[in-house]
Amino acid sequence: MNNFSIFVDTSFEEAIDQVTEALKQEGMGVLNEIDVQATLKKKIDVNFRRYKILGACHALIAYEMLQTDDKAGLFYPCNVVVQEHEDGRIEVSAVDPLMMFLTIHSPKAKEIALNASEKMQRVIESLKSLQLISHS
């Protein structure tokens, strides 16, 4: 599994708010937000559906991973995508940190990545009250 994903029965804006709150509950914050729709319109003048990338980070986990491997920062932040499909359904997807850090060959890195993966999975699981259809 490369990601955790769920369709939610809520508005696009509410999904972003819910994800942001769920990340906070796991000790994570949003470092950056990329509005793909606005960026594509500005850069190449195309119309694209609502699609935002939230760059999430847990400071302690990031610190621990950087202590294990100084190149770990190449994988940051952990991205969460909120997108509105053409049929109006809202999907929230999050990268699985365990998959991101597989290239770091260290038992400590795997332990840290597993912890991060569990946190991200709980973020997506917390959205089940808004759920339509889950994809794992």
Protein backbone atom coordinates (compact mmCIF):
# COMPACT_ATOMS: atom_id res chain seq x y z
CA MET A 1 0.00 0.00 0.00
CA ASN A 2 1.46 3.38 -1.03
CA ASN A 3 -1.28 5.50 0.47
CA PHE A 4 -4.35 5.65 2.65
CA SER A 5 -7.47 6.93 0.95
CA ILE A 6 -11.11 7.57 1.73
CA PHE A 7 -14.08 9.21 0.04
CA VAL A 8 -15.96 11.54 2.36
CA ASP A 9 -19.48 12.87 2.27
CA THR A 10 -18.72 16.52 2.94
CA SER A 11 -17.74 19.69 1.11
CA PHE A 12 -14.25 20.22 -0.24
CA GLU A 13 -13.57 23.01 2.29
CA GLU A 14 -14.92 20.95 5.18
CA ALA A 15 -12.73 18.01 4.16
CA ILE A 16 -9.65 20.27 4.32
CA ASP A 17 -10.70 21.54 7.76
CA GLN A 18 -11.34 17.99 9.01
CA VAL A 19 -7.99 16.73 7.70
CA THR A 20 -6.14 19.68 9.23
CA GLU A 21 -7.79 18.99 12.60
CA ALA A 22 -7.10 15.25 12.36
CA LEU A 23 -3.43 15.98 11.64
CA LYS A 24 -3.29 18.24 14.72
CA GLN A 25 -4.76 15.44 16.83
CA GLU A 26 -1.79 13.29 15.78
CA GLY A 27 0.73 16.04 16.58
CA MET A 28 1.19 17.04 12.96
CA GLY A 29 0.92 20.40 11.28
CA VAL A 30 0.46 21.61 7.73
CA LEU A 31 3.72 23.20 6.57
CA ASN A 32 2.45 24.19 3.14
CA GLU A 33 -0.65 24.06 1.02
CA ILE A 34 -0.59 23.85 -2.76
CA ASP A 35 -3.73 24.80 -4.64
CA VAL A 36 -3.18 22.74 -7.78
CA GLN A 37 -6.30 24.14 -9.49
CA ALA A 38 -5.12 27.75 -9.09
CA THR A 39 -1.52 26.92 -9.97
CA LEU A 40 -2.44 25.15 -13.19
CA LYS A 41 -4.77 27.98 -14.18
CA LYS A 42 -2.05 30.57 -13.57
CA LYS A 43 0.85 28.65 -15.11
CA ILE A 44 -0.72 26.97 -18.14
CA ASP A 45 -4.24 28.43 -18.28
CA VAL A 46 -6.12 25.15 -17.88
CA ASN A 47 -9.22 24.45 -15.85
CA PHE A 48 -8.70 21.67 -13.34
CA ARG A 49 -10.88 20.29 -10.58
CA ARG A 50 -10.41 21.37 -6.97
CA TYR A 51 -7.25 19.67 -5.79
CA LYS A 52 -5.10 20.68 -2.82
CA ILE A 53 -1.91 19.17 -1.53
CA LEU A 54 -1.29 19.63 2.19
CA GLY A 55 2.33 19.14 3.25
CA ALA A 56 2.09 17.59 6.70
CA CYS A 57 4.87 17.12 9.22
CA HIS A 58 5.35 15.78 12.73
CA ALA A 59 8.36 17.70 14.05
CA LEU A 60 9.63 15.04 16.46
CA ILE A 61 9.36 12.26 13.87
CA ALA A 62 11.12 14.46 11.30
CA TYR A 63 13.89 15.22 13.78
CA GLU A 64 14.33 11.54 14.69
CA MET A 65 14.46 10.50 11.05
CA LEU A 66 17.00 13.21 10.21
CA GLN A 67 19.14 11.97 13.10
CA THR A 68 19.03 8.52 11.48
CA ASP A 69 19.77 9.67 7.93
CA ASP A 70 20.69 13.20 6.88
CA LYS A 71 19.08 12.69 3.44
CA ALA A 72 15.65 11.84 4.94
CA GLY A 73 14.59 15.43 4.31
CA LEU A 74 14.31 14.55 0.63
CA PHE A 75 11.06 12.79 1.51
CA TYR A 76 9.45 15.62 3.48
CA PRO A 77 6.74 16.67 3.93
CA CYS A 78 4.21 13.83 4.03
CA ASN A 79 1.61 14.85 1.49
CA VAL A 80 -2.12 14.66 1.99
CA VAL A 81 -4.32 15.30 -1.06
CA VAL A 82 -7.90 16.55 -0.95
CA GLN A 83 -9.54 16.41 -4.36
CA GLU A 84 -12.97 16.79 -5.86
CA HIS A 85 -13.63 14.25 -8.60
CA GLU A 86 -15.65 15.10 -11.70
CA ASP A 87 -18.70 13.40 -10.19
CA GLY A 88 -18.48 15.71 -7.15
CA ARG A 89 -17.15 13.12 -4.72
CA ILE A 90 -14.45 14.30 -2.32
CA GLU A 91 -11.45 12.04 -1.76
CA VAL A 92 -8.76 12.39 0.88
CA SER A 93 -5.51 10.51 0.32
CA ALA A 94 -2.34 10.45 2.38
CA VAL A 95 1.06 9.04 1.58
CA ASP A 96 2.13 6.06 3.67
CA PRO A 97 5.32 7.25 5.40
CA LEU A 98 6.49 3.66 5.73
CA MET A 99 6.63 3.40 1.93
CA MET A 100 8.39 6.78 1.67
CA PHE A 101 11.26 5.72 3.90
CA LEU A 102 11.86 2.18 2.60
CA THR A 103 15.04 3.35 0.90
CA ILE A 104 16.61 4.17 4.27
CA HIS A 105 18.07 0.85 5.34
CA SER A 106 18.12 1.10 9.08
CA PRO A 107 16.09 -0.68 11.76
CA LYS A 108 15.70 2.65 13.60
CA ALA A 109 14.41 4.36 10.42
CA LYS A 110 11.89 1.57 9.90
CA GLU A 111 10.68 1.94 13.50
CA ILE A 112 10.28 5.70 13.08
CA ALA A 113 8.54 5.30 9.71
CA LEU A 114 6.16 2.72 11.16
CA ASN A 115 5.20 5.18 13.91
CA ALA A 116 4.59 7.89 11.30
CA SER A 117 2.60 5.46 9.16
CA GLU A 118 0.35 4.56 12.09
CA LYS A 119 -0.29 8.25 12.76
CA MET A 120 -1.19 8.95 9.14
CA GLN A 121 -3.45 5.94 9.02
CA ARG A 122 -5.25 7.22 12.15
CA VAL A 123 -5.72 10.59 10.41
CA ILE A 124 -7.56 8.89 7.55
CA GLU A 125 -9.43 6.54 9.91
CA SER A 126 -10.69 9.56 11.86
CA LEU A 127 -12.53 10.69 8.73
CA LYS A 128 -14.69 7.54 8.69
CA SER A 129 -17.59 9.47 10.20
CA LEU A 130 -17.62 11.39 6.90
CA GLN A 131 -17.09 8.26 4.84
CA LEU A 132 -18.77 7.18 1.63
CA ILE A 133 -16.44 4.47 0.28
CA SER A 134 -13.00 3.51 1.61
CA HIS A 135 -10.03 2.51 -0.55
CA SER A 136 -6.90 1.07 1.02
